[in-house]
Amino acid sequence: MGTLTFSINTTLDGCVDHTEGIADEETHAHFTRLLETSGAMLWGRTTYEMMESYWPAVARGEVEAPSAIREWALTLEEMPKYVVSSTRRDFPWTGSHHLTGDLRTAVLELKEATPRGVLLGSGQLATALDRLDLIDEYRILLHPQIAGHGPTLFAGGLPSTRTLDLLAATPMSNGALDLHYRRAE
């Protein structure tokens, strides 16, 4: 069974607003490497729609982008993408699939079918999946910024404190810190 890894950008004060953080070539190269080691992406509808509105055009060359950012878009384009949504059924972006039925069962089946692992990239969905004890690892890219606003990481709350084991903490030249944790046994 593949692992479910929650990966997200956050500022020092926990802001996960997609407009915050350092969106440079180094950051995109980091996330491209994460994609390349995973077998699928998992998003909620809101994140899917945000990604769908921009990245396919970058992958097609319709938007000018530096090489690392274009590489991210091309890698994402080829990646199987799974979307949890109760309001939308049609997901036309290449390789997109609607995850239906009981959330726990659907995600467990996705993990079972994806030995290389699933990369989760939606904050609200991460809260729901963490409440179901389904997240195995966390890849947090901590940016050297204080946003002073939300949305914030796990804003919906969790039923209890999660204890994690640090696997790696890797500084980046742009000042961000890649934190890799696994749920403690």
Protein backbone atom coordinates (compact mmCIF):
# COMPACT_ATOMS: atom_id res chain seq x y z
CA MET A 1 0.00 0.00 0.00
CA GLY A 2 1.29 3.43 -0.90
CA THR A 3 1.61 6.24 1.60
CA LEU A 4 -0.60 9.31 1.71
CA THR A 5 1.66 12.34 2.05
CA PHE A 6 0.20 15.76 2.82
CA SER A 7 2.33 18.40 1.12
CA ILE A 8 1.73 22.11 1.43
CA ASN A 9 3.35 25.54 1.57
CA THR A 10 2.93 27.46 4.81
CA THR A 11 4.27 30.64 6.34
CA LEU A 12 5.71 30.75 9.86
CA ASP A 13 2.29 31.70 11.24
CA GLY A 14 0.58 28.77 9.50
CA CYS A 15 -0.98 30.65 6.57
CA VAL A 16 -1.64 28.32 3.65
CA ASP A 17 -3.04 30.95 1.27
CA HIS A 18 -1.74 30.04 -2.19
CA THR A 19 -0.75 33.66 -2.82
CA GLU A 20 1.70 33.61 0.09
CA GLY A 21 5.14 32.02 0.12
CA ILE A 22 8.02 32.08 -2.31
CA ALA A 23 6.88 30.88 -5.73
CA ASP A 24 10.31 30.79 -7.36
CA GLU A 25 12.05 28.20 -9.53
CA GLU A 26 13.63 26.48 -6.51
CA THR A 27 10.22 25.99 -4.88
CA HIS A 28 8.71 24.61 -8.08
CA ALA A 29 11.70 22.29 -8.62
CA HIS A 30 11.17 20.99 -5.07
CA PHE A 31 7.52 20.18 -5.74
CA THR A 32 8.38 18.64 -9.13
CA ARG A 33 10.72 16.22 -7.33
CA LEU A 34 7.89 15.33 -4.92
CA LEU A 35 5.55 14.70 -7.84
CA GLU A 36 8.11 12.51 -9.58
CA THR A 37 8.37 10.23 -6.55
CA SER A 38 4.58 9.92 -6.19
CA GLY A 39 2.03 7.96 -8.15
CA ALA A 40 -0.95 10.36 -7.94
CA MET A 41 -2.23 13.71 -6.69
CA LEU A 42 -5.27 14.10 -4.44
CA TRP A 43 -7.16 17.38 -4.11
CA GLY A 44 -10.44 18.78 -2.94
CA ARG A 45 -12.59 20.55 -5.52
CA THR A 46 -11.48 24.08 -4.62
CA THR A 47 -7.78 23.29 -5.00
CA TYR A 48 -8.43 21.30 -8.17
CA GLU A 49 -10.27 24.25 -9.73
CA MET A 50 -7.51 26.66 -8.76
CA MET A 51 -4.87 24.38 -10.30
CA GLU A 52 -6.98 23.57 -13.37
CA SER A 53 -7.46 27.28 -14.12
CA TYR A 54 -3.73 27.88 -14.66
CA TRP A 55 -1.35 24.92 -14.90
CA PRO A 56 -2.67 23.19 -18.05
CA ALA A 57 -2.08 26.43 -19.98
CA VAL A 58 1.52 26.56 -18.67
CA ALA A 59 2.03 22.91 -19.70
CA ARG A 60 0.71 23.69 -23.22
CA GLY A 61 3.13 26.64 -23.53
CA GLU A 62 0.33 29.23 -23.62
CA VAL A 63 1.81 31.02 -20.60
CA GLU A 64 5.45 32.11 -20.48
CA ALA A 65 7.25 30.49 -17.55
CA PRO A 66 10.82 29.83 -16.44
CA SER A 67 12.06 26.29 -17.08
CA ALA A 68 11.55 24.92 -13.52
CA ILE A 69 7.99 26.23 -13.41
CA ARG A 70 7.22 24.80 -16.86
CA GLU A 71 8.73 21.45 -15.75
CA TRP A 72 6.38 21.46 -12.72
CA ALA A 73 3.41 22.08 -15.04
CA LEU A 74 4.44 19.30 -17.44
CA THR A 75 4.97 16.82 -14.60
CA LEU A 76 1.62 17.75 -13.10
CA GLU A 77 -0.07 17.39 -16.48
CA GLU A 78 1.05 13.75 -16.73
CA MET A 79 0.21 12.88 -13.11
CA PRO A 80 -3.04 11.06 -12.31
CA LYS A 81 -5.20 13.52 -10.38
CA TYR A 82 -8.00 12.48 -8.00
CA VAL A 83 -10.61 14.93 -6.76
CA VAL A 84 -12.97 14.73 -3.80
CA SER A 85 -16.14 16.73 -4.44
CA SER A 86 -19.78 16.46 -3.55
CA THR A 87 -20.77 19.32 -5.87
CA ARG A 88 -18.88 18.68 -9.10
CA ARG A 89 -18.80 15.52 -11.22
CA ASP A 90 -16.95 16.53 -14.40
CA PHE A 91 -13.15 16.90 -14.26
CA PRO A 92 -11.84 17.38 -17.81
CA TRP A 93 -8.18 18.12 -17.03
CA THR A 94 -5.93 15.36 -18.39
CA GLY A 95 -5.73 12.38 -16.06
CA SER A 96 -8.36 13.66 -13.62
CA HIS A 97 -10.72 11.32 -11.77
CA HIS A 98 -13.60 11.89 -9.37
CA LEU A 99 -13.16 10.06 -6.06
CA THR A 100 -16.63 8.96 -4.98
CA GLY A 101 -18.31 7.05 -2.18
CA ASP A 102 -17.27 6.84 1.45
CA LEU A 103 -14.18 9.05 1.89
CA ARG A 104 -12.26 6.61 4.10
CA THR A 105 -12.92 3.66 1.80
CA ALA A 106 -12.17 5.63 -1.38
CA VAL A 107 -8.84 6.95 -0.05
CA LEU A 108 -7.79 3.55 1.29
CA GLU A 109 -8.55 2.03 -2.12
CA LEU A 110 -6.55 4.79 -3.83
CA LYS A 111 -3.58 4.17 -1.51
CA GLU A 112 -3.83 0.43 -2.20
CA ALA A 113 -3.90 1.03 -5.97
CA THR A 114 -0.97 3.49 -5.86
CA PRO A 115 2.17 1.78 -4.50
CA ARG A 116 4.32 4.85 -5.27
CA GLY A 117 2.10 6.87 -2.94
CA VAL A 118 -0.41 9.67 -3.16
CA LEU A 119 0.48 13.33 -2.70
CA LEU A 120 -2.30 15.31 -0.99
CA GLY A 121 -2.32 19.03 -1.68
CA SER A 122 -5.50 20.47 -0.14
CA GLY A 123 -5.68 21.97 3.33
CA GLN A 124 -9.37 21.37 4.09
CA LEU A 125 -9.24 17.86 2.69
CA ALA A 126 -6.09 17.19 4.76
CA THR A 127 -8.01 18.09 7.92
CA ALA A 128 -10.79 15.64 7.00
CA LEU A 129 -8.31 12.88 6.14
CA ASP A 130 -6.23 13.48 9.26
CA ARG A 131 -9.41 13.11 11.34
CA LEU A 132 -9.78 9.69 9.66
CA ASP A 133 -6.15 8.78 10.51
CA LEU A 134 -5.30 8.36 6.83
CA ILE A 135 -2.29 10.67 6.44
CA ASP A 136 1.01 8.82 6.74
CA GLU A 137 3.55 11.57 6.09
CA TYR A 138 3.74 15.36 5.99
CA ARG A 139 5.92 17.44 3.66
CA ILE A 140 5.64 21.01 4.85
CA LEU A 141 7.51 23.72 2.97
CA LEU A 142 7.91 26.40 5.63
CA HIS A 143 8.44 29.85 4.12
CA PRO A 144 10.34 32.60 5.96
CA GLN A 145 7.32 34.88 6.08
CA ILE A 146 4.59 35.92 8.50
CA ALA A 147 1.38 36.53 6.58
CA GLY A 148 -0.81 37.78 9.41
CA HIS A 149 -3.94 36.28 7.86
CA GLY A 150 -5.51 32.94 6.99
CA PRO A 151 -6.47 30.39 5.92
CA THR A 152 -4.31 28.45 8.32
CA LEU A 153 -3.14 24.87 8.59
CA PHE A 154 -5.74 22.58 10.22
CA ALA A 155 -8.03 25.54 10.97
CA GLY A 156 -10.95 23.12 11.36
CA GLY A 157 -9.18 21.46 14.27
CA LEU A 158 -8.26 17.85 14.96
CA PRO A 159 -9.64 15.53 17.63
CA SER A 160 -6.23 15.18 19.29
CA THR A 161 -2.59 16.21 19.04
CA ARG A 162 -0.61 14.42 16.33
CA THR A 163 2.88 13.32 17.30
CA LEU A 164 5.27 13.14 14.36
CA ASP A 165 8.77 11.79 13.79
CA LEU A 166 11.14 14.08 11.90
CA LEU A 167 12.61 12.33 8.85
CA ALA A 168 14.42 15.34 7.38
CA ALA A 169 14.73 19.11 7.61
CA THR A 170 16.34 20.55 4.51
CA PRO A 171 17.01 24.27 4.12
CA MET A 172 16.61 25.83 0.69
CA SER A 173 18.66 28.74 -0.66
CA ASN A 174 15.53 30.94 -0.78
CA GLY A 175 15.19 30.65 3.02
CA ALA A 176 12.37 28.09 3.01
CA LEU A 177 12.71 24.88 5.01
CA ASP A 178 11.49 21.52 3.69
CA LEU A 179 10.18 19.57 6.69
CA HIS A 180 9.47 15.86 6.24
CA TYR A 181 7.60 14.07 9.02
CA ARG A 182 5.99 10.66 9.50
CA ARG A 183 3.23 9.93 11.97
CA ALA A 184 4.73 8.46 15.12
CA GLU A 185 3.78 4.87 15.87
